[in-house]
């Protein structure tokens, strides 16, 4: 930002604005949280590891629909998988981003759902 000449000098210190790529990473993660189904799946996987069939049953959705949501969450780095024989199990990633989003979801649920205790 130091190379940029601002049209108006308001006497503020220069600020280093992160690159557009940095904001794109944040945007990709937050886009996943713009879908209630993905939030529910992500929340579930923060609490336990599950296979697609069990997630489908809990969400009352088809397996292909759940798989689509899991792919989106996995591409954003919020969910990881492991194979055991023919079954694939999913869980929330052990990353600071996933922990932060889980905490945020829990806090918002507590604030917006009267009577819901943490």
PDB file of N, CA and C in Angstrom:
ATOM      1  N   UNK A   1       0.829  -1.186   0.000  1.00  0.00           N
ATOM      2  CA  UNK A   1       0.000   0.000   0.000  1.00  0.00           C
ATOM      3  C   UNK A   1       0.871   1.246   0.000  1.00  0.00           C
ATOM      4  N   UNK A   2       2.106   1.140   0.473  1.00  0.00           N
ATOM      5  CA  UNK A   2       2.981   2.307   0.532  1.00  0.00           C
ATOM      6  C   UNK A   2       3.258   2.878  -0.845  1.00  0.00           C
ATOM      7  N   UNK A   3       3.166   2.057  -1.917  1.00  0.00           N
ATOM      8  CA  UNK A   3       3.436   2.530  -3.274  1.00  0.00           C
ATOM      9  C   UNK A   3       2.234   3.282  -3.851  1.00  0.00           C
ATOM     10  N   UNK A   4       1.088   3.142  -3.241  1.00  0.00           N
ATOM     11  CA  UNK A   4      -0.139   3.725  -3.769  1.00  0.00           C
ATOM     12  C   UNK A   4      -0.309   5.139  -3.221  1.00  0.00           C
ATOM     13  N   UNK A   5      -0.556   6.051  -4.132  1.00  0.00           N
ATOM     14  CA  UNK A   5      -0.837   7.426  -3.718  1.00  0.00           C
ATOM     15  C   UNK A   5      -2.348   7.569  -3.583  1.00  0.00           C
ATOM     16  N   UNK A   6      -2.813   7.841  -2.387  1.00  0.00           N
ATOM     17  CA  UNK A   6      -4.242   8.010  -2.152  1.00  0.00           C
ATOM     18  C   UNK A   6      -4.667   9.421  -2.537  1.00  0.00           C
ATOM     19  N   UNK A   7      -5.855   9.554  -3.126  1.00  0.00           N
ATOM     20  CA  UNK A   7      -6.315  10.872  -3.552  1.00  0.00           C
ATOM     21  C   UNK A   7      -6.541  11.836  -2.388  1.00  0.00           C
ATOM     22  N   UNK A   8      -6.876  11.295  -1.213  1.00  0.00           N
ATOM     23  CA  UNK A   8      -7.113  12.139  -0.038  1.00  0.00           C
ATOM     24  C   UNK A   8      -6.213  11.692   1.100  1.00  0.00           C
ATOM     25  N   UNK A   9      -5.506  12.614   1.677  1.00  0.00           N
ATOM     26  CA  UNK A   9      -4.655  12.316   2.830  1.00  0.00           C
ATOM     27  C   UNK A   9      -5.407  12.724   4.086  1.00  0.00           C
ATOM     28  N   UNK A  10      -5.852  11.733   4.850  1.00  0.00           N
ATOM     29  CA  UNK A  10      -6.604  11.993   6.079  1.00  0.00           C
ATOM     30  C   UNK A  10      -5.718  11.881   7.316  1.00  0.00           C
ATOM     31  N   UNK A  11      -4.425  11.780   7.099  1.00  0.00           N
ATOM     32  CA  UNK A  11      -3.496  11.742   8.220  1.00  0.00           C
ATOM     33  C   UNK A  11      -3.399  10.392   8.900  1.00  0.00           C
ATOM     34  N   UNK A  12      -3.935   9.356   8.284  1.00  0.00           N
ATOM     35  CA  UNK A  12      -3.869   8.024   8.886  1.00  0.00           C
ATOM     36  C   UNK A  12      -2.602   7.316   8.447  1.00  0.00           C
ATOM     37  N   UNK A  13      -2.174   6.394   9.299  1.00  0.00           N
ATOM     38  CA  UNK A  13      -1.010   5.574   8.972  1.00  0.00           C
ATOM     39  C   UNK A  13      -1.348   4.675   7.788  1.00  0.00           C
ATOM     40  N   UNK A  14      -0.373   4.394   6.929  1.00  0.00           N
ATOM     41  CA  UNK A  14      -0.614   3.450   5.824  1.00  0.00           C
ATOM     42  C   UNK A  14      -0.958   2.070   6.388  1.00  0.00           C
ATOM     43  N   UNK A  15      -1.720   1.320   5.625  1.00  0.00           N
ATOM     44  CA  UNK A  15      -2.113  -0.026   6.042  1.00  0.00           C
ATOM     45  C   UNK A  15      -1.741  -1.003   4.930  1.00  0.00           C
ATOM     46  N   UNK A  16      -1.222  -2.151   5.323  1.00  0.00           N
ATOM     47  CA  UNK A  16      -0.908  -3.201   4.353  1.00  0.00           C
ATOM     48  C   UNK A  16      -2.151  -4.074   4.207  1.00  0.00           C
ATOM     49  N   UNK A  17      -2.773  -4.005   3.057  1.00  0.00           N
ATOM     50  CA  UNK A  17      -3.973  -4.792   2.790  1.00  0.00           C
ATOM     51  C   UNK A  17      -3.540  -6.153   2.268  1.00  0.00           C
ATOM     52  N   UNK A  18      -4.066  -7.244   2.860  1.00  0.00           N
ATOM     53  CA  UNK A  18      -3.720  -8.580   2.345  1.00  0.00           C
ATOM     54  C   UNK A  18      -4.078  -8.696   0.866  1.00  0.00           C
ATOM     55  N   UNK A  19      -3.441  -9.637   0.203  1.00  0.00           N
ATOM     56  CA  UNK A  19      -3.642  -9.820  -1.237  1.00  0.00           C
ATOM     57  C   UNK A  19      -5.051 -10.342  -1.526  1.00  0.00           C
ATOM     58  N   UNK A  20      -5.517 -10.143  -2.756  1.00  0.00           N
ATOM     59  CA  UNK A  20      -6.810 -10.708  -3.142  1.00  0.00           C
ATOM     60  C   UNK A  20      -6.865 -12.227  -2.953  1.00  0.00           C
ATOM     61  N   UNK A  21      -5.726 -12.914  -3.150  1.00  0.00           N
ATOM     62  CA  UNK A  21      -5.693 -14.372  -2.956  1.00  0.00           C
ATOM     63  C   UNK A  21      -5.993 -14.742  -1.506  1.00  0.00           C
ATOM     64  N   UNK A  22      -5.488 -13.949  -0.565  1.00  0.00           N
ATOM     65  CA  UNK A  22      -5.762 -14.210   0.854  1.00  0.00           C
ATOM     66  C   UNK A  22      -7.260 -14.120   1.137  1.00  0.00           C
ATOM     67  N   UNK A  23      -7.901 -13.114   0.566  1.00  0.00           N
ATOM     68  CA  UNK A  23      -9.340 -12.955   0.773  1.00  0.00           C
ATOM     69  C   UNK A  23     -10.127 -14.048   0.065  1.00  0.00           C
ATOM     70  N   UNK A  24      -9.602 -14.550  -1.049  1.00  0.00           N
ATOM     71  CA  UNK A  24     -10.269 -15.630  -1.775  1.00  0.00           C
ATOM     72  C   UNK A  24     -10.308 -16.900  -0.926  1.00  0.00           C
ATOM     73  N   UNK A  25      -9.235 -17.174  -0.208  1.00  0.00           N
ATOM     74  CA  UNK A  25      -9.193 -18.340   0.683  1.00  0.00           C
ATOM     75  C   UNK A  25     -10.266 -18.215   1.757  1.00  0.00           C
ATOM     76  N   UNK A  26     -10.360 -17.056   2.370  1.00  0.00           N
ATOM     77  CA  UNK A  26     -11.382 -16.818   3.399  1.00  0.00           C
ATOM     78  C   UNK A  26     -12.775 -16.947   2.797  1.00  0.00           C
ATOM     79  N   UNK A  27     -12.963 -16.386   1.621  1.00  0.00           N
ATOM     80  CA  UNK A  27     -14.257 -16.450   0.955  1.00  0.00           C
ATOM     81  C   UNK A  27     -14.670 -17.895   0.669  1.00  0.00           C
ATOM     82  N   UNK A  28     -13.737 -18.717   0.225  1.00  0.00           N
ATOM     83  CA  UNK A  28     -14.023 -20.127  -0.073  1.00  0.00           C
ATOM     84  C   UNK A  28     -14.516 -20.852   1.171  1.00  0.00           C
ATOM     85  N   UNK A  29     -13.880 -20.606   2.292  1.00  0.00           N
ATOM     86  CA  UNK A  29     -14.286 -21.252   3.543  1.00  0.00           C
ATOM     87  C   UNK A  29     -15.660 -20.756   3.970  1.00  0.00           C
ATOM     88  N   UNK A  30     -15.875 -19.450   3.921  1.00  0.00           N
ATOM     89  CA  UNK A  30     -17.154 -18.899   4.365  1.00  0.00           C
ATOM     90  C   UNK A  30     -18.311 -19.284   3.449  1.00  0.00           C
ATOM     91  N   UNK A  31     -18.038 -19.501   2.168  1.00  0.00           N
ATOM     92  CA  UNK A  31     -19.094 -19.930   1.246  1.00  0.00           C
ATOM     93  C   UNK A  31     -19.706 -21.245   1.706  1.00  0.00           C
ATOM     94  N   UNK A  32     -18.905 -22.106   2.294  1.00  0.00           N
ATOM     95  CA  UNK A  32     -19.410 -23.390   2.762  1.00  0.00           C
ATOM     96  C   UNK A  32     -20.427 -23.217   3.884  1.00  0.00           C
ATOM     97  N   UNK A  33     -20.303 -22.143   4.621  1.00  0.00           N
ATOM     98  CA  UNK A  33     -21.190 -21.900   5.742  1.00  0.00           C
ATOM     99  C   UNK A  33     -22.441 -21.128   5.334  1.00  0.00           C
ATOM    100  N   UNK A  34     -22.622 -20.910   4.029  1.00  0.00           N
ATOM    101  CA  UNK A  34     -23.815 -20.217   3.527  1.00  0.00           C
ATOM    102  C   UNK A  34     -24.920 -21.196   3.168  1.00  0.00           C
ATOM    103  N   UNK A  35     -24.757 -22.443   3.498  1.00  0.00           N
ATOM    104  CA  UNK A  35     -25.735 -23.480   3.197  1.00  0.00           C
ATOM    105  C   UNK A  35     -26.067 -24.209   4.496  1.00  0.00           C
ATOM    106  N   UNK A  36     -27.334 -24.173   4.894  1.00  0.00           N
ATOM    107  CA  UNK A  36     -27.753 -24.760   6.171  1.00  0.00           C
ATOM    108  C   UNK A  36     -27.438 -26.251   6.247  1.00  0.00           C
ATOM    109  N   UNK A  37     -27.579 -26.961   5.138  1.00  0.00           N
ATOM    110  CA  UNK A  37     -27.293 -28.402   5.136  1.00  0.00           C
ATOM    111  C   UNK A  37     -25.810 -28.634   5.418  1.00  0.00           C
ATOM    112  N   UNK A  38     -24.944 -27.871   4.760  1.00  0.00           N
ATOM    113  CA  UNK A  38     -23.505 -28.045   4.995  1.00  0.00           C
ATOM    114  C   UNK A  38     -23.132 -27.683   6.422  1.00  0.00           C
ATOM    115  N   UNK A  39     -23.781 -26.676   6.966  1.00  0.00           N
ATOM    116  CA  UNK A  39     -23.509 -26.324   8.365  1.00  0.00           C
ATOM    117  C   UNK A  39     -23.887 -27.486   9.273  1.00  0.00           C
ATOM    118  N   UNK A  40     -25.043 -28.096   9.033  1.00  0.00           N
ATOM    119  CA  UNK A  40     -25.479 -29.238   9.856  1.00  0.00           C
ATOM    120  C   UNK A  40     -24.502 -30.409   9.729  1.00  0.00           C
ATOM    121  N   UNK A  41     -24.103 -30.717   8.501  1.00  0.00           N
ATOM    122  CA  UNK A  41     -23.163 -31.827   8.282  1.00  0.00           C
ATOM    123  C   UNK A  41     -21.833 -31.511   8.953  1.00  0.00           C
ATOM    124  N   UNK A  42     -21.330 -30.310   8.744  1.00  0.00           N
ATOM    125  CA  UNK A  42     -20.060 -29.913   9.363  1.00  0.00           C
ATOM    126  C   UNK A  42     -20.160 -29.991  10.879  1.00  0.00           C
ATOM    127  N   UNK A  43     -21.240 -29.478  11.446  1.00  0.00           N
ATOM    128  CA  UNK A  43     -21.435 -29.515  12.898  1.00  0.00           C
ATOM    129  C   UNK A  43     -21.408 -30.962  13.393  1.00  0.00           C
ATOM    130  N   UNK A  44     -22.134 -31.841  12.723  1.00  0.00           N
ATOM    131  CA  UNK A  44     -22.159 -33.256  13.094  1.00  0.00           C
ATOM    132  C   UNK A  44     -20.756 -33.842  13.088  1.00  0.00           C
ATOM    133  N   UNK A  45     -19.996 -33.543  12.028  1.00  0.00           N
ATOM    134  CA  UNK A  45     -18.658 -34.113  11.892  1.00  0.00           C
ATOM    135  C   UNK A  45     -17.648 -33.482  12.840  1.00  0.00           C
ATOM    136  N   UNK A  46     -18.005 -32.379  13.453  1.00  0.00           N
ATOM    137  CA  UNK A  46     -17.168 -31.811  14.519  1.00  0.00           C
ATOM    138  C   UNK A  46     -17.316 -32.629  15.795  1.00  0.00           C
ATOM    139  N   UNK A  47     -18.427 -33.360  15.902  1.00  0.00           N
ATOM    140  CA  UNK A  47     -18.720 -34.113  17.119  1.00  0.00           C
ATOM    141  C   UNK A  47     -18.479 -35.607  17.002  1.00  0.00           C
ATOM    142  N   UNK A  48     -18.432 -36.120  15.762  1.00  0.00           N
ATOM    143  CA  UNK A  48     -18.213 -37.547  15.573  1.00  0.00           C
ATOM    144  C   UNK A  48     -17.819 -37.846  14.140  1.00  0.00           C
ATOM    145  N   UNK A  49     -17.183 -38.966  13.968  1.00  0.00           N
ATOM    146  CA  UNK A  49     -16.819 -39.454  12.644  1.00  0.00           C
ATOM    147  C   UNK A  49     -17.976 -40.296  12.130  1.00  0.00           C
ATOM    148  N   UNK A  50     -18.327 -40.117  10.848  1.00  0.00           N
ATOM    149  CA  UNK A  50     -19.462 -40.863  10.294  1.00  0.00           C
ATOM    150  C   UNK A  50     -19.218 -41.233   8.841  1.00  0.00           C
ATOM    151  N   UNK A  51     -19.943 -42.253   8.391  1.00  0.00           N
ATOM    152  CA  UNK A  51     -19.920 -42.645   6.985  1.00  0.00           C
ATOM    153  C   UNK A  51     -21.074 -41.942   6.264  1.00  0.00           C
ATOM    154  N   UNK A  52     -21.023 -41.934   4.950  1.00  0.00           N
ATOM    155  CA  UNK A  52     -22.037 -41.246   4.146  1.00  0.00           C
ATOM    156  C   UNK A  52     -23.436 -41.777   4.422  1.00  0.00           C
ATOM    157  N   UNK A  53     -23.572 -43.100   4.532  1.00  0.00           N
ATOM    158  CA  UNK A  53     -24.908 -43.671   4.746  1.00  0.00           C
ATOM    159  C   UNK A  53     -25.525 -43.204   6.070  1.00  0.00           C
ATOM    160  N   UNK A  54     -24.721 -43.157   7.123  1.00  0.00           N
ATOM    161  CA  UNK A  54     -25.254 -42.704   8.411  1.00  0.00           C
ATOM    162  C   UNK A  54     -25.543 -41.202   8.397  1.00  0.00           C
ATOM    163  N   UNK A  55     -24.666 -40.433   7.738  1.00  0.00           N
ATOM    164  CA  UNK A  55     -24.923 -38.996   7.615  1.00  0.00           C
ATOM    165  C   UNK A  55     -26.223 -38.786   6.841  1.00  0.00           C
ATOM    166  N   UNK A  56     -26.411 -39.547   5.770  1.00  0.00           N
ATOM    167  CA  UNK A  56     -27.627 -39.447   4.959  1.00  0.00           C
ATOM    168  C   UNK A  56     -28.870 -39.718   5.792  1.00  0.00           C
ATOM    169  N   UNK A  57     -28.797 -40.753   6.619  1.00  0.00           N
ATOM    170  CA  UNK A  57     -29.945 -41.100   7.464  1.00  0.00           C
ATOM    171  C   UNK A  57     -30.226 -39.989   8.475  1.00  0.00           C
ATOM    172  N   UNK A  58     -29.173 -39.449   9.097  1.00  0.00           N
ATOM    173  CA  UNK A  58     -29.367 -38.397  10.091  1.00  0.00           C
ATOM    174  C   UNK A  58     -29.888 -37.105   9.468  1.00  0.00           C
ATOM    175  N   UNK A  59     -29.445 -36.809   8.253  1.00  0.00           N
ATOM    176  CA  UNK A  59     -29.860 -35.583   7.573  1.00  0.00           C
ATOM    177  C   UNK A  59     -31.163 -35.776   6.797  1.00  0.00           C
ATOM    178  N   UNK A  60     -31.602 -37.038   6.699  1.00  0.00           N
ATOM    179  CA  UNK A  60     -32.785 -37.398   5.910  1.00  0.00           C
ATOM    180  C   UNK A  60     -32.626 -36.910   4.466  1.00  0.00           C
ATOM    181  N   UNK A  61     -31.482 -37.269   3.895  1.00  0.00           N
ATOM    182  CA  UNK A  61     -31.136 -36.891   2.533  1.00  0.00           C
ATOM    183  C   UNK A  61     -30.590 -38.107   1.804  1.00  0.00           C
ATOM    184  N   UNK A  62     -30.538 -38.014   0.484  1.00  0.00           N
ATOM    185  CA  UNK A  62     -29.953 -39.101  -0.296  1.00  0.00           C
ATOM    186  C   UNK A  62     -28.431 -39.099  -0.130  1.00  0.00           C
ATOM    187  N   UNK A  63     -27.832 -40.255  -0.317  1.00  0.00           N
ATOM    188  CA  UNK A  63     -26.377 -40.369  -0.229  1.00  0.00           C
ATOM    189  C   UNK A  63     -25.664 -39.489  -1.262  1.00  0.00           C
ATOM    190  N   UNK A  64     -26.141 -39.448  -2.527  1.00  0.00           N
ATOM    191  CA  UNK A  64     -25.468 -38.571  -3.491  1.00  0.00           C
ATOM    192  C   UNK A  64     -25.505 -37.087  -3.071  1.00  0.00           C
ATOM    193  N   UNK A  65     -26.612 -36.645  -2.484  1.00  0.00           N
ATOM    194  CA  UNK A  65     -26.708 -35.248  -2.039  1.00  0.00           C
ATOM    195  C   UNK A  65     -25.713 -34.983  -0.910  1.00  0.00           C
ATOM    196  N   UNK A  66     -25.619 -35.915   0.032  1.00  0.00           N
ATOM    197  CA  UNK A  66     -24.664 -35.770   1.134  1.00  0.00           C
ATOM    198  C   UNK A  66     -23.245 -35.790   0.593  1.00  0.00           C
ATOM    199  N   UNK A  67     -22.975 -36.689  -0.336  1.00  0.00           N
ATOM    200  CA  UNK A  67     -21.631 -36.771  -0.929  1.00  0.00           C
ATOM    201  C   UNK A  67     -21.247 -35.459  -1.605  1.00  0.00           C
ATOM    202  N   UNK A  68     -22.204 -34.822  -2.259  1.00  0.00           N
ATOM    203  CA  UNK A  68     -21.946 -33.522  -2.891  1.00  0.00           C
ATOM    204  C   UNK A  68     -21.520 -32.489  -1.844  1.00  0.00           C
ATOM    205  N   UNK A  69     -22.247 -32.426  -0.733  1.00  0.00           N
ATOM    206  CA  UNK A  69     -21.917 -31.475   0.334  1.00  0.00           C
ATOM    207  C   UNK A  69     -20.558 -31.810   0.960  1.00  0.00           C
ATOM    208  N   UNK A  70     -20.284 -33.085   1.151  1.00  0.00           N
ATOM    209  CA  UNK A  70     -19.003 -33.493   1.723  1.00  0.00           C
ATOM    210  C   UNK A  70     -17.845 -33.099   0.806  1.00  0.00           C
ATOM    211  N   UNK A  71     -18.054 -33.236  -0.497  1.00  0.00           N
ATOM    212  CA  UNK A  71     -17.011 -32.842  -1.453  1.00  0.00           C
ATOM    213  C   UNK A  71     -16.702 -31.354  -1.314  1.00  0.00           C
ATOM    214  N   UNK A  72     -17.745 -30.538  -1.181  1.00  0.00           N
ATOM    215  CA  UNK A  72     -17.551 -29.094  -1.028  1.00  0.00           C
ATOM    216  C   UNK A  72     -16.786 -28.782   0.260  1.00  0.00           C
ATOM    217  N   UNK A  73     -17.175 -29.428   1.341  1.00  0.00           N
ATOM    218  CA  UNK A  73     -16.504 -29.214   2.631  1.00  0.00           C
ATOM    219  C   UNK A  73     -15.058 -29.694   2.587  1.00  0.00           C
ATOM    220  N   UNK A  74     -14.830 -30.816   1.914  1.00  0.00           N
ATOM    221  CA  UNK A  74     -13.476 -31.359   1.797  1.00  0.00           C
ATOM    222  C   UNK A  74     -12.590 -30.432   0.966  1.00  0.00           C
ATOM    223  N   UNK A  75     -13.117 -29.913  -0.129  1.00  0.00           N
ATOM    224  CA  UNK A  75     -12.344 -29.001  -0.977  1.00  0.00           C
ATOM    225  C   UNK A  75     -11.983 -27.708  -0.248  1.00  0.00           C
ATOM    226  N   UNK A  76     -12.819 -27.308   0.693  1.00  0.00           N
ATOM    227  CA  UNK A  76     -12.536 -26.105   1.480  1.00  0.00           C
ATOM    228  C   UNK A  76     -11.593 -26.403   2.639  1.00  0.00           C
ATOM    229  N   UNK A  77     -11.245 -27.681   2.820  1.00  0.00           N
ATOM    230  CA  UNK A  77     -10.327 -28.062   3.889  1.00  0.00           C
ATOM    231  C   UNK A  77     -10.980 -28.166   5.257  1.00  0.00           C
ATOM    232  N   UNK A  78     -12.300 -28.235   5.292  1.00  0.00           N
ATOM    233  CA  UNK A  78     -13.004 -28.293   6.572  1.00  0.00           C
ATOM    234  C   UNK A  78     -13.293 -29.716   7.025  1.00  0.00           C
ATOM    235  N   UNK A  79     -13.230 -30.672   6.096  1.00  0.00           N
ATOM    236  CA  UNK A  79     -13.544 -32.072   6.386  1.00  0.00           C
ATOM    237  C   UNK A  79     -12.444 -32.943   5.792  1.00  0.00           C
ATOM    238  N   UNK A  80     -12.113 -34.012   6.502  1.00  0.00           N
ATOM    239  CA  UNK A  80     -11.164 -35.003   6.007  1.00  0.00           C
ATOM    240  C   UNK A  80     -11.838 -36.370   6.013  1.00  0.00           C
ATOM    241  N   UNK A  81     -11.269 -37.307   5.265  1.00  0.00           N
ATOM    242  CA  UNK A  81     -11.853 -38.648   5.201  1.00  0.00           C
ATOM    243  C   UNK A  81     -10.770 -39.691   5.396  1.00  0.00           C
ATOM    244  N   UNK A  82     -11.241 -40.881   5.760  1.00  0.00           N
ATOM    245  CA  UNK A  82     -10.349 -42.032   5.849  1.00  0.00           C
ATOM    246  C   UNK A  82     -11.133 -43.253   5.396  1.00  0.00           C
ATOM    247  N   UNK A  83     -10.437 -44.151   4.760  1.00  0.00           N
ATOM    248  CA  UNK A  83     -11.069 -45.367   4.250  1.00  0.00           C
ATOM    249  C   UNK A  83     -10.781 -46.514   5.203  1.00  0.00           C
ATOM    250  N   UNK A  84     -11.823 -47.306   5.452  1.00  0.00           N
ATOM    251  CA  UNK A  84     -11.693 -48.527   6.233  1.00  0.00           C
ATOM    252  C   UNK A  84     -12.414 -49.611   5.443  1.00  0.00           C
ATOM    253  N   UNK A  85     -11.646 -50.426   4.733  1.00  0.00           N
ATOM    254  CA  UNK A  85     -12.261 -51.419   3.847  1.00  0.00           C
ATOM    255  C   UNK A  85     -12.967 -50.698   2.712  1.00  0.00           C
ATOM    256  N   UNK A  86     -14.250 -50.987   2.563  1.00  0.00           N
ATOM    257  CA  UNK A  86     -15.026 -50.340   1.503  1.00  0.00           C
ATOM    258  C   UNK A  86     -15.698 -49.055   1.967  1.00  0.00           C
ATOM    259  N   UNK A  87     -15.651 -48.795   3.269  1.00  0.00           N
ATOM    260  CA  UNK A  87     -16.333 -47.618   3.796  1.00  0.00           C
ATOM    261  C   UNK A  87     -15.393 -46.437   3.953  1.00  0.00           C
ATOM    262  N   UNK A  88     -15.944 -45.256   3.728  1.00  0.00           N
ATOM    263  CA  UNK A  88     -15.198 -44.016   3.916  1.00  0.00           C
ATOM    264  C   UNK A  88     -15.849 -43.271   5.069  1.00  0.00           C
ATOM    265  N   UNK A  89     -15.032 -42.863   6.013  1.00  0.00           N
ATOM    266  CA  UNK A  89     -15.512 -42.127   7.179  1.00  0.00           C
ATOM    267  C   UNK A  89     -15.043 -40.680   7.091  1.00  0.00           C
ATOM    268  N   UNK A  90     -15.899 -39.778   7.520  1.00  0.00           N
ATOM    269  CA  UNK A  90     -15.606 -38.350   7.464  1.00  0.00           C
ATOM    270  C   UNK A  90     -15.620 -37.757   8.857  1.00  0.00           C
ATOM    271  N   UNK A  91     -14.790 -36.731   9.037  1.00  0.00           N
ATOM    272  CA  UNK A  91     -14.769 -35.975  10.286  1.00  0.00           C
ATOM    273  C   UNK A  91     -14.281 -34.574   9.976  1.00  0.00           C
ATOM    274  N   UNK A  92     -14.505 -33.662  10.892  1.00  0.00           N
ATOM    275  CA  UNK A  92     -14.024 -32.293  10.712  1.00  0.00           C
ATOM    276  C   UNK A  92     -12.501 -32.291  10.758  1.00  0.00           C
ATOM    277  N   UNK A  93     -11.903 -31.419   9.978  1.00  0.00           N
ATOM    278  CA  UNK A  93     -10.443 -31.278   9.970  1.00  0.00           C
ATOM    279  C   UNK A  93      -9.967 -30.764  11.314  1.00  0.00           C
ATOM    280  N   UNK A  94      -8.766 -31.146  11.670  1.00  0.00           N
ATOM    281  CA  UNK A  94      -8.162 -30.646  12.905  1.00  0.00           C
ATOM    282  C   UNK A  94      -7.313 -29.415  12.556  1.00  0.00           C
ATOM    283  N   UNK A  95      -8.017 -28.366  12.097  1.00  0.00           N
ATOM    284  CA  UNK A  95      -7.336 -27.128  11.712  1.00  0.00           C
ATOM    285  C   UNK A  95      -7.902 -25.976  12.531  1.00  0.00           C
ATOM    286  N   UNK A  96      -7.165 -24.904  12.594  1.00  0.00           N
ATOM    287  CA  UNK A  96      -7.654 -23.742  13.337  1.00  0.00           C
ATOM    288  C   UNK A  96      -8.910 -23.177  12.673  1.00  0.00           C
ATOM    289  N   UNK A  97      -8.989 -23.257  11.334  1.00  0.00           N
ATOM    290  CA  UNK A  97     -10.183 -22.764  10.637  1.00  0.00           C
ATOM    291  C   UNK A  97     -11.417 -23.578  11.020  1.00  0.00           C
ATOM    292  N   UNK A  98     -11.285 -24.898  11.023  1.00  0.00           N
ATOM    293  CA  UNK A  98     -12.421 -25.754  11.371  1.00  0.00           C
ATOM    294  C   UNK A  98     -12.825 -25.553  12.828  1.00  0.00           C
ATOM    295  N   UNK A  99     -11.848 -25.441  13.716  1.00  0.00           N
ATOM    296  CA  UNK A  99     -12.166 -25.208  15.132  1.00  0.00           C
ATOM    297  C   UNK A  99     -12.879 -23.874  15.315  1.00  0.00           C
ATOM    298  N   UNK A 100     -12.390 -22.850  14.622  1.00  0.00           N
ATOM    299  CA  UNK A 100     -13.003 -21.525  14.709  1.00  0.00           C
ATOM    300  C   UNK A 100     -14.451 -21.560  14.223  1.00  0.00           C
ATOM    301  N   UNK A 101     -14.690 -22.196  13.062  1.00  0.00           N
ATOM    302  CA  UNK A 101     -16.053 -22.270  12.528  1.00  0.00           C
ATOM    303  C   UNK A 101     -16.966 -23.078  13.432  1.00  0.00           C
ATOM    304  N   UNK A 102     -16.456 -24.150  14.002  1.00  0.00           N
ATOM    305  CA  UNK A 102     -17.262 -24.940  14.929  1.00  0.00           C
ATOM    306  C   UNK A 102     -17.675 -24.090  16.130  1.00  0.00           C
ATOM    307  N   UNK A 103     -16.718 -23.390  16.697  1.00  0.00           N
ATOM    308  CA  UNK A 103     -16.998 -22.520  17.846  1.00  0.00           C
ATOM    309  C   UNK A 103     -18.012 -21.436  17.465  1.00  0.00           C
ATOM    310  N   UNK A 104     -17.851 -20.867  16.278  1.00  0.00           N
ATOM    311  CA  UNK A 104     -18.758 -19.827  15.821  1.00  0.00           C
ATOM    312  C   UNK A 104     -20.181 -20.384  15.677  1.00  0.00           C
ATOM    313  N   UNK A 105     -20.309 -21.558  15.087  1.00  0.00           N
ATOM    314  CA  UNK A 105     -21.628 -22.179  14.928  1.00  0.00           C
ATOM    315  C   UNK A 105     -22.252 -22.438  16.288  1.00  0.00           C
ATOM    316  N   UNK A 106     -21.475 -23.000  17.203  1.00  0.00           N
ATOM    317  CA  UNK A 106     -21.989 -23.276  18.550  1.00  0.00           C
ATOM    318  C   UNK A 106     -22.453 -21.983  19.228  1.00  0.00           C
ATOM    319  N   UNK A 107     -21.642 -20.930  19.136  1.00  0.00           N
ATOM    320  CA  UNK A 107     -21.993 -19.649  19.757  1.00  0.00           C
ATOM    321  C   UNK A 107     -23.258 -19.064  19.136  1.00  0.00           C
ATOM    322  N   UNK A 108     -23.353 -19.100  17.802  1.00  0.00           N
ATOM    323  CA  UNK A 108     -24.535 -18.556  17.140  1.00  0.00           C
ATOM    324  C   UNK A 108     -25.778 -19.370  17.465  1.00  0.00           C
ATOM    325  N   UNK A 109     -25.643 -20.683  17.558  1.00  0.00           N
ATOM    326  CA  UNK A 109     -26.786 -21.524  17.933  1.00  0.00           C
ATOM    327  C   UNK A 109     -27.254 -21.181  19.343  1.00  0.00           C
ATOM    328  N   UNK A 110     -26.312 -20.961  20.223  1.00  0.00           N
ATOM    329  CA  UNK A 110     -26.640 -20.599  21.603  1.00  0.00           C
ATOM    330  C   UNK A 110     -27.363 -19.253  21.644  1.00  0.00           C
ATOM    331  N   UNK A 111     -26.910 -18.306  20.822  1.00  0.00           N
ATOM    332  CA  UNK A 111     -27.516 -16.970  20.808  1.00  0.00           C
ATOM    333  C   UNK A 111     -28.873 -16.943  20.118  1.00  0.00           C
ATOM    334  N   UNK A 112     -29.048 -17.732  19.077  1.00  0.00           N
ATOM    335  CA  UNK A 112     -30.259 -17.636  18.264  1.00  0.00           C
ATOM    336  C   UNK A 112     -31.326 -18.664  18.578  1.00  0.00           C
ATOM    337  N   UNK A 113     -30.995 -19.667  19.366  1.00  0.00           N
ATOM    338  CA  UNK A 113     -31.969 -20.716  19.698  1.00  0.00           C
ATOM    339  C   UNK A 113     -32.298 -20.626  21.179  1.00  0.00           C
ATOM    340  N   UNK A 114     -33.386 -19.938  21.528  1.00  0.00           N
ATOM    341  CA  UNK A 114     -33.733 -19.784  22.950  1.00  0.00           C
ATOM    342  C   UNK A 114     -33.838 -21.137  23.649  1.00  0.00           C
ATOM    343  N   UNK A 115     -33.289 -21.200  24.827  1.00  0.00           N
ATOM    344  CA  UNK A 115     -33.357 -22.417  25.625  1.00  0.00           C
ATOM    345  C   UNK A 115     -32.288 -23.435  25.290  1.00  0.00           C
ATOM    346  N   UNK A 116     -31.495 -23.199  24.278  1.00  0.00           N
ATOM    347  CA  UNK A 116     -30.434 -24.147  23.895  1.00  0.00           C
ATOM    348  C   UNK A 116     -29.223 -23.881  24.778  1.00  0.00           C
ATOM    349  N   UNK A 117     -28.839 -24.885  25.512  1.00  0.00           N
ATOM    350  CA  UNK A 117     -27.674 -24.741  26.380  1.00  0.00           C
ATOM    351  C   UNK A 117     -26.466 -25.318  25.699  1.00  0.00           C
ATOM    352  N   UNK A 118     -25.335 -24.800  26.083  1.00  0.00           N
ATOM    353  CA  UNK A 118     -24.063 -25.289  25.545  1.00  0.00           C
ATOM    354  C   UNK A 118     -23.480 -26.357  26.371  1.00  0.00           C
TER     355      UNK A 118
END
